Amino acid sequence: MVNIVTKRNCVYQTAYHVIWCPKYRRDILVGKVAETVGMMLDNLCSEKGWDMISKEIQPDHIHLFVSIPPAVAVANAVKVLKGVTARQLFQQFPLLKKKLWGGNLWSPSYYVGTAGNVSAQTIQCYIERSEHVNKRR
């Protein structure tokens, strides 16, 4: 369940499913590396005030289900998540650089999808119904 968050200037209920992969889709997210990146993501989301709903670390990709405030662009949040974890993982596990030549831990691309409590069709019907009511006035 995605919580409704109330701030001084807005009320929001956001949920983003974000997926990204190591460069060359290498199976490097195993053992201690997987544990460490999981803790890094927990700590980073906590520091930023982003509610991590769920995460799954697979050997060759990461799934994150996270609530980010609307004032933060999802692209910027992903950049922070990928950038901080890459820097810290390279510091803690220098052998990763040998598996990932070129100096990049993560692939430059990522997937992001939104999730909510109502479907797109429900929202569309609500908006269309509102249009009809307003036209009658």
N, C-alpha and C. Protein backbone atom coordinates (compact mmCIF):
# COMPACT_ATOMS: atom_id res chain seq x y z
N MET A 1 0.84 -1.19 0.00
CA MET A 1 0.00 0.00 0.00
C MET A 1 0.88 1.24 0.00
N VAL A 2 0.55 2.20 -0.82
CA VAL A 2 1.29 3.44 -0.92
C VAL A 2 0.60 4.46 -0.01
N ASN A 3 1.36 5.00 0.92
CA ASN A 3 0.80 5.95 1.88
C ASN A 3 0.54 7.30 1.25
N ILE A 4 -0.45 7.99 1.78
CA ILE A 4 -0.70 9.38 1.41
C ILE A 4 0.20 10.22 2.31
N VAL A 5 0.99 11.09 1.68
CA VAL A 5 1.94 11.93 2.42
C VAL A 5 1.44 13.37 2.37
N THR A 6 1.43 14.02 3.52
CA THR A 6 1.00 15.40 3.61
C THR A 6 2.20 16.27 3.96
N LYS A 7 2.46 17.24 3.10
CA LYS A 7 3.53 18.22 3.34
C LYS A 7 2.88 19.59 3.45
N ARG A 8 3.71 20.58 3.71
CA ARG A 8 3.20 21.94 3.90
C ARG A 8 2.44 22.45 2.67
N ASN A 9 2.95 22.13 1.47
CA ASN A 9 2.33 22.71 0.27
C ASN A 9 1.71 21.68 -0.67
N CYS A 10 1.70 20.41 -0.28
CA CYS A 10 1.07 19.43 -1.16
C CYS A 10 0.72 18.15 -0.40
N VAL A 11 -0.16 17.40 -1.00
CA VAL A 11 -0.51 16.07 -0.53
C VAL A 11 -0.27 15.15 -1.72
N TYR A 12 0.46 14.06 -1.51
CA TYR A 12 0.76 13.20 -2.65
C TYR A 12 0.75 11.73 -2.26
N GLN A 13 0.60 10.93 -3.29
CA GLN A 13 0.62 9.48 -3.15
C GLN A 13 1.27 8.94 -4.42
N THR A 14 2.59 8.87 -4.41
CA THR A 14 3.33 8.45 -5.60
C THR A 14 4.00 7.12 -5.36
N ALA A 15 4.13 6.37 -6.42
CA ALA A 15 4.86 5.10 -6.35
C ALA A 15 5.50 4.85 -7.71
N TYR A 16 6.80 4.68 -7.70
CA TYR A 16 7.55 4.45 -8.94
C TYR A 16 8.25 3.10 -8.87
N HIS A 17 8.13 2.36 -9.94
CA HIS A 17 8.86 1.10 -10.09
C HIS A 17 10.07 1.43 -10.96
N VAL A 18 11.26 1.31 -10.40
CA VAL A 18 12.48 1.66 -11.10
C VAL A 18 13.34 0.41 -11.23
N ILE A 19 13.88 0.21 -12.43
CA ILE A 19 14.76 -0.92 -12.68
C ILE A 19 16.01 -0.40 -13.38
N TRP A 20 17.19 -0.87 -12.92
CA TRP A 20 18.42 -0.58 -13.64
C TRP A 20 19.38 -1.75 -13.53
N CYS A 21 20.35 -1.77 -14.44
CA CYS A 21 21.25 -2.91 -14.56
C CYS A 21 22.71 -2.46 -14.49
N PRO A 22 23.58 -3.37 -14.06
CA PRO A 22 25.01 -3.09 -14.19
C PRO A 22 25.40 -3.03 -15.67
N LYS A 23 26.47 -2.32 -15.93
CA LYS A 23 26.99 -2.21 -17.29
C LYS A 23 27.21 -3.62 -17.86
N TYR A 24 26.88 -3.81 -19.11
CA TYR A 24 27.00 -5.09 -19.82
C TYR A 24 26.15 -6.20 -19.20
N ARG A 25 25.24 -5.83 -18.35
CA ARG A 25 24.32 -6.75 -17.66
C ARG A 25 25.08 -7.88 -16.96
N ARG A 26 26.21 -7.53 -16.38
CA ARG A 26 27.05 -8.49 -15.67
C ARG A 26 26.36 -8.97 -14.39
N ASP A 27 26.58 -10.22 -14.03
CA ASP A 27 26.03 -10.81 -12.81
C ASP A 27 26.95 -10.48 -11.62
N ILE A 28 26.95 -9.22 -11.21
CA ILE A 28 27.86 -8.79 -10.14
C ILE A 28 27.15 -8.54 -8.82
N LEU A 29 25.83 -8.49 -8.85
CA LEU A 29 25.06 -8.16 -7.64
C LEU A 29 24.74 -9.43 -6.87
N VAL A 30 25.78 -10.04 -6.34
CA VAL A 30 25.65 -11.28 -5.59
C VAL A 30 26.45 -11.17 -4.29
N GLY A 31 26.09 -12.00 -3.32
CA GLY A 31 26.85 -12.06 -2.07
C GLY A 31 26.94 -10.73 -1.35
N LYS A 32 28.16 -10.41 -0.94
CA LYS A 32 28.41 -9.19 -0.16
C LYS A 32 28.07 -7.92 -0.96
N VAL A 33 28.30 -7.95 -2.28
CA VAL A 33 27.98 -6.78 -3.12
C VAL A 33 26.47 -6.52 -3.09
N ALA A 34 25.67 -7.57 -3.21
CA ALA A 34 24.21 -7.42 -3.18
C ALA A 34 23.75 -6.92 -1.81
N GLU A 35 24.30 -7.48 -0.75
CA GLU A 35 23.95 -7.02 0.60
C GLU A 35 24.28 -5.54 0.78
N THR A 36 25.48 -5.18 0.32
CA THR A 36 25.94 -3.79 0.50
C THR A 36 25.09 -2.81 -0.29
N VAL A 37 24.80 -3.12 -1.55
CA VAL A 37 23.99 -2.20 -2.34
C VAL A 37 22.58 -2.09 -1.76
N GLY A 38 22.06 -3.18 -1.21
CA GLY A 38 20.75 -3.12 -0.56
C GLY A 38 20.74 -2.18 0.62
N MET A 39 21.78 -2.27 1.46
CA MET A 39 21.88 -1.36 2.61
C MET A 39 22.08 0.08 2.16
N MET A 40 22.86 0.28 1.10
CA MET A 40 23.09 1.62 0.57
C MET A 40 21.77 2.24 0.12
N LEU A 41 20.98 1.47 -0.60
CA LEU A 41 19.69 1.97 -1.09
C LEU A 41 18.76 2.29 0.07
N ASP A 42 18.73 1.42 1.08
CA ASP A 42 17.91 1.69 2.28
C ASP A 42 18.33 3.01 2.92
N ASN A 43 19.64 3.16 3.14
CA ASN A 43 20.15 4.36 3.81
C ASN A 43 19.91 5.62 2.97
N LEU A 44 20.16 5.52 1.68
CA LEU A 44 20.00 6.68 0.81
C LEU A 44 18.55 7.15 0.76
N CYS A 45 17.62 6.20 0.60
CA CYS A 45 16.20 6.57 0.58
C CYS A 45 15.77 7.16 1.92
N SER A 46 16.27 6.60 2.99
CA SER A 46 15.95 7.12 4.32
C SER A 46 16.47 8.55 4.49
N GLU A 47 17.72 8.79 4.08
CA GLU A 47 18.31 10.13 4.18
C GLU A 47 17.52 11.15 3.38
N LYS A 48 17.07 10.76 2.20
CA LYS A 48 16.36 11.68 1.31
C LYS A 48 14.88 11.83 1.67
N GLY A 49 14.39 10.96 2.56
CA GLY A 49 12.97 11.02 2.92
C GLY A 49 12.08 10.36 1.89
N TRP A 50 12.66 9.45 1.10
CA TRP A 50 11.89 8.70 0.10
C TRP A 50 11.47 7.39 0.73
N ASP A 51 10.19 7.06 0.63
CA ASP A 51 9.66 5.84 1.23
C ASP A 51 9.91 4.65 0.30
N MET A 52 10.81 3.75 0.71
CA MET A 52 11.05 2.55 -0.09
C MET A 52 9.98 1.53 0.27
N ILE A 53 9.17 1.20 -0.69
CA ILE A 53 8.08 0.27 -0.49
C ILE A 53 8.59 -1.16 -0.61
N SER A 54 9.45 -1.38 -1.58
CA SER A 54 9.98 -2.72 -1.81
C SER A 54 11.25 -2.63 -2.65
N LYS A 55 12.13 -3.63 -2.50
CA LYS A 55 13.30 -3.71 -3.37
C LYS A 55 13.65 -5.16 -3.58
N GLU A 56 14.21 -5.44 -4.72
CA GLU A 56 14.68 -6.79 -5.06
C GLU A 56 15.97 -6.64 -5.84
N ILE A 57 17.01 -7.27 -5.34
CA ILE A 57 18.30 -7.20 -6.01
C ILE A 57 18.57 -8.56 -6.64
N GLN A 58 18.60 -8.58 -7.95
CA GLN A 58 18.92 -9.77 -8.72
C GLN A 58 20.39 -9.68 -9.14
N PRO A 59 21.01 -10.78 -9.53
CA PRO A 59 22.44 -10.72 -9.91
C PRO A 59 22.75 -9.71 -11.01
N ASP A 60 21.78 -9.47 -11.93
CA ASP A 60 22.07 -8.59 -13.05
C ASP A 60 21.15 -7.37 -13.15
N HIS A 61 20.35 -7.09 -12.13
CA HIS A 61 19.51 -5.89 -12.14
C HIS A 61 18.90 -5.64 -10.76
N ILE A 62 18.38 -4.42 -10.60
CA ILE A 62 17.75 -4.01 -9.34
C ILE A 62 16.33 -3.53 -9.63
N HIS A 63 15.38 -4.00 -8.83
CA HIS A 63 14.01 -3.49 -8.84
C HIS A 63 13.82 -2.67 -7.57
N LEU A 64 13.29 -1.48 -7.72
CA LEU A 64 13.01 -0.64 -6.57
C LEU A 64 11.60 -0.09 -6.73
N PHE A 65 10.81 -0.19 -5.68
CA PHE A 65 9.47 0.39 -5.66
C PHE A 65 9.53 1.45 -4.58
N VAL A 66 9.46 2.71 -4.99
CA VAL A 66 9.76 3.81 -4.08
C VAL A 66 8.78 4.97 -4.29
N SER A 67 8.47 5.66 -3.20
CA SER A 67 7.64 6.85 -3.26
C SER A 67 8.55 8.07 -3.15
N ILE A 68 8.52 8.91 -4.17
CA ILE A 68 9.36 10.11 -4.23
C ILE A 68 8.44 11.32 -4.29
N PRO A 69 8.74 12.37 -3.52
CA PRO A 69 7.88 13.56 -3.54
C PRO A 69 7.80 14.17 -4.94
N PRO A 70 6.68 14.80 -5.28
CA PRO A 70 6.52 15.38 -6.61
C PRO A 70 7.50 16.52 -6.90
N ALA A 71 8.09 17.11 -5.88
CA ALA A 71 9.07 18.19 -6.10
C ALA A 71 10.40 17.65 -6.60
N VAL A 72 10.60 16.34 -6.52
CA VAL A 72 11.84 15.71 -6.97
C VAL A 72 11.55 14.99 -8.28
N ALA A 73 12.26 15.37 -9.34
CA ALA A 73 12.10 14.69 -10.62
C ALA A 73 12.60 13.25 -10.49
N VAL A 74 11.86 12.33 -11.06
CA VAL A 74 12.23 10.92 -10.98
C VAL A 74 13.61 10.71 -11.60
N ALA A 75 13.90 11.39 -12.70
CA ALA A 75 15.22 11.26 -13.34
C ALA A 75 16.33 11.68 -12.39
N ASN A 76 16.11 12.74 -11.62
CA ASN A 76 17.12 13.18 -10.66
C ASN A 76 17.27 12.18 -9.52
N ALA A 77 16.17 11.62 -9.07
CA ALA A 77 16.24 10.62 -8.00
C ALA A 77 17.02 9.39 -8.46
N VAL A 78 16.77 8.93 -9.67
CA VAL A 78 17.48 7.77 -10.20
C VAL A 78 18.96 8.10 -10.35
N LYS A 79 19.25 9.31 -10.81
CA LYS A 79 20.65 9.73 -10.95
C LYS A 79 21.36 9.68 -9.60
N VAL A 80 20.70 10.12 -8.55
CA VAL A 80 21.28 10.07 -7.20
C VAL A 80 21.48 8.62 -6.76
N LEU A 81 20.45 7.80 -6.93
CA LEU A 81 20.53 6.40 -6.50
C LEU A 81 21.66 5.66 -7.22
N LYS A 82 21.74 5.83 -8.52
CA LYS A 82 22.77 5.14 -9.29
C LYS A 82 24.16 5.73 -9.02
N GLY A 83 24.25 7.04 -8.95
CA GLY A 83 25.55 7.70 -8.77
C GLY A 83 26.19 7.40 -7.43
N VAL A 84 25.43 7.54 -6.37
CA VAL A 84 25.97 7.32 -5.02
C VAL A 84 26.34 5.86 -4.83
N THR A 85 25.48 4.95 -5.26
CA THR A 85 25.78 3.53 -5.08
C THR A 85 26.99 3.11 -5.91
N ALA A 86 27.12 3.63 -7.12
CA ALA A 86 28.27 3.28 -7.96
C ALA A 86 29.57 3.73 -7.30
N ARG A 87 29.60 4.95 -6.85
CA ARG A 87 30.82 5.49 -6.23
C ARG A 87 31.20 4.67 -4.99
N GLN A 88 30.23 4.41 -4.15
CA GLN A 88 30.51 3.68 -2.91
C GLN A 88 30.86 2.21 -3.16
N LEU A 89 30.20 1.58 -4.13
CA LEU A 89 30.52 0.18 -4.43
C LEU A 89 31.93 0.05 -5.00
N PHE A 90 32.33 0.98 -5.88
CA PHE A 90 33.69 0.94 -6.41
C PHE A 90 34.73 1.15 -5.31
N GLN A 91 34.39 1.98 -4.33
CA GLN A 91 35.32 2.20 -3.21
C GLN A 91 35.44 0.94 -2.35
N GLN A 92 34.33 0.29 -2.08
CA GLN A 92 34.34 -0.88 -1.20
C GLN A 92 34.75 -2.17 -1.90
N PHE A 93 34.52 -2.25 -3.20
CA PHE A 93 34.83 -3.46 -3.96
C PHE A 93 35.63 -3.08 -5.21
N PRO A 94 36.91 -2.75 -5.07
CA PRO A 94 37.70 -2.28 -6.22
C PRO A 94 37.82 -3.32 -7.35
N LEU A 95 37.62 -4.60 -7.05
CA LEU A 95 37.70 -5.62 -8.09
C LEU A 95 36.54 -5.51 -9.11
N LEU A 96 35.48 -4.80 -8.74
CA LEU A 96 34.38 -4.60 -9.68
C LEU A 96 34.85 -3.87 -10.93
N LYS A 97 35.83 -2.98 -10.78
CA LYS A 97 36.32 -2.22 -11.93
C LYS A 97 36.94 -3.13 -12.98
N LYS A 98 37.49 -4.25 -12.57
CA LYS A 98 38.08 -5.18 -13.54
C LYS A 98 37.00 -5.89 -14.36
N LYS A 99 35.84 -6.14 -13.73
CA LYS A 99 34.74 -6.78 -14.44
C LYS A 99 33.98 -5.79 -15.33
N LEU A 100 34.08 -4.50 -14.97
CA LEU A 100 33.32 -3.46 -15.68
C LEU A 100 34.30 -2.39 -16.18
N TRP A 101 34.98 -2.70 -17.25
CA TRP A 101 35.93 -1.74 -17.79
C TRP A 101 35.21 -0.48 -18.25
N GLY A 102 35.92 0.61 -18.32
CA GLY A 102 35.33 1.87 -18.75
C GLY A 102 34.92 2.78 -17.61
N GLY A 103 35.00 2.30 -16.37
CA GLY A 103 34.74 3.16 -15.22
C GLY A 103 33.29 3.36 -14.83
N ASN A 104 32.36 2.67 -15.47
CA ASN A 104 30.95 2.81 -15.13
C ASN A 104 30.42 1.52 -14.53
N LEU A 105 29.73 1.65 -13.41
CA LEU A 105 29.12 0.47 -12.79
C LEU A 105 27.78 0.16 -13.42
N TRP A 106 26.97 1.20 -13.60
CA TRP A 106 25.60 1.00 -14.08
C TRP A 106 25.47 1.33 -15.56
N SER A 107 24.57 0.64 -16.21
CA SER A 107 24.19 0.97 -17.57
C SER A 107 23.57 2.37 -17.54
N PRO A 108 23.73 3.16 -18.60
CA PRO A 108 23.18 4.53 -18.56
C PRO A 108 21.65 4.59 -18.58
N SER A 109 21.01 3.52 -18.98
CA SER A 109 19.55 3.55 -19.09
C SER A 109 18.89 2.95 -17.85
N TYR A 110 17.59 3.16 -17.75
CA TYR A 110 16.79 2.60 -16.67
C TYR A 110 15.34 2.58 -17.10
N TYR A 111 14.53 1.84 -16.38
CA TYR A 111 13.09 1.80 -16.60
C TYR A 111 12.42 2.46 -15.41
N VAL A 112 11.37 3.22 -15.66
CA VAL A 112 10.54 3.73 -14.57
C VAL A 112 9.07 3.64 -15.00
N GLY A 113 8.25 3.14 -14.10
CA GLY A 113 6.81 3.07 -14.31
C GLY A 113 6.11 3.58 -13.07
N THR A 114 4.91 4.05 -13.23
CA THR A 114 4.15 4.56 -12.08
C THR A 114 3.08 3.56 -11.69
N ALA A 115 2.71 3.64 -10.44
CA ALA A 115 1.63 2.79 -9.92
C ALA A 115 0.76 3.64 -9.02
N GLY A 116 -0.49 3.32 -8.98
CA GLY A 116 -1.40 4.08 -8.12
C GLY A 116 -2.54 3.22 -7.64
N ASN A 117 -3.43 3.85 -6.92
CA ASN A 117 -4.56 3.12 -6.36
C ASN A 117 -5.76 3.07 -7.30
N VAL A 118 -5.73 3.86 -8.36
CA VAL A 118 -6.81 3.84 -9.33
C VAL A 118 -6.21 3.66 -10.72
N SER A 119 -6.99 3.12 -11.61
CA SER A 119 -6.50 2.87 -12.96
C SER A 119 -6.58 4.14 -13.81
N ALA A 120 -5.86 4.12 -14.91
CA ALA A 120 -5.90 5.25 -15.85
C ALA A 120 -7.31 5.44 -16.38
N GLN A 121 -8.01 4.35 -16.59
CA GLN A 121 -9.38 4.42 -17.10
C GLN A 121 -10.29 5.11 -16.08
N THR A 122 -10.11 4.83 -14.81
CA THR A 122 -10.91 5.46 -13.76
C THR A 122 -10.68 6.97 -13.75
N ILE A 123 -9.44 7.38 -13.86
CA ILE A 123 -9.11 8.82 -13.88
C ILE A 123 -9.72 9.48 -15.11
N GLN A 124 -9.60 8.83 -16.27
CA GLN A 124 -10.16 9.39 -17.49
C GLN A 124 -11.67 9.57 -17.37
N CYS A 125 -12.35 8.57 -16.84
CA CYS A 125 -13.81 8.68 -16.65
C CYS A 125 -14.16 9.81 -15.69
N TYR A 126 -13.38 9.96 -14.61
CA TYR A 126 -13.63 11.03 -13.64
C TYR A 126 -13.48 12.39 -14.31
N ILE A 127 -12.43 12.57 -15.10
CA ILE A 127 -12.19 13.86 -15.77
C ILE A 127 -13.29 14.13 -16.78
N GLU A 128 -13.65 13.13 -17.57
CA GLU A 128 -14.71 13.32 -18.58
C GLU A 128 -16.04 13.63 -17.92
N ARG A 129 -16.32 12.98 -16.80
CA ARG A 129 -17.57 13.25 -16.08
C ARG A 129 -17.55 14.68 -15.55
N SER A 130 -16.41 15.15 -15.06
CA SER A 130 -16.29 16.52 -14.56
C SER A 130 -16.50 17.53 -15.67
N GLU A 131 -15.98 17.22 -16.87
CA GLU A 131 -16.18 18.12 -18.02
C GLU A 131 -17.66 18.28 -18.33
N HIS A 132 -18.40 17.17 -18.33
CA HIS A 132 -19.83 17.21 -18.63
C HIS A 132 -20.59 18.01 -17.58
N VAL A 133 -20.24 17.87 -16.32
CA VAL A 133 -20.91 18.60 -15.24
C VAL A 133 -20.63 20.09 -15.39
N ASN A 134 -19.38 20.46 -15.68
CA ASN A 134 -19.02 21.88 -15.82
C ASN A 134 -19.65 22.52 -17.04
N LYS A 135 -19.85 21.77 -18.11
CA LYS A 135 -20.46 22.33 -19.32
C LYS A 135 -21.94 22.64 -19.08
N ARG A 136 -22.59 21.91 -18.18
CA ARG A 136 -24.00 22.15 -17.89
C ARG A 136 -24.22 23.40 -17.07
N ARG A 137 -23.18 23.85 -16.38
CA ARG A 137 -23.33 25.02 -15.49
C ARG A 137 -23.39 26.29 -16.23
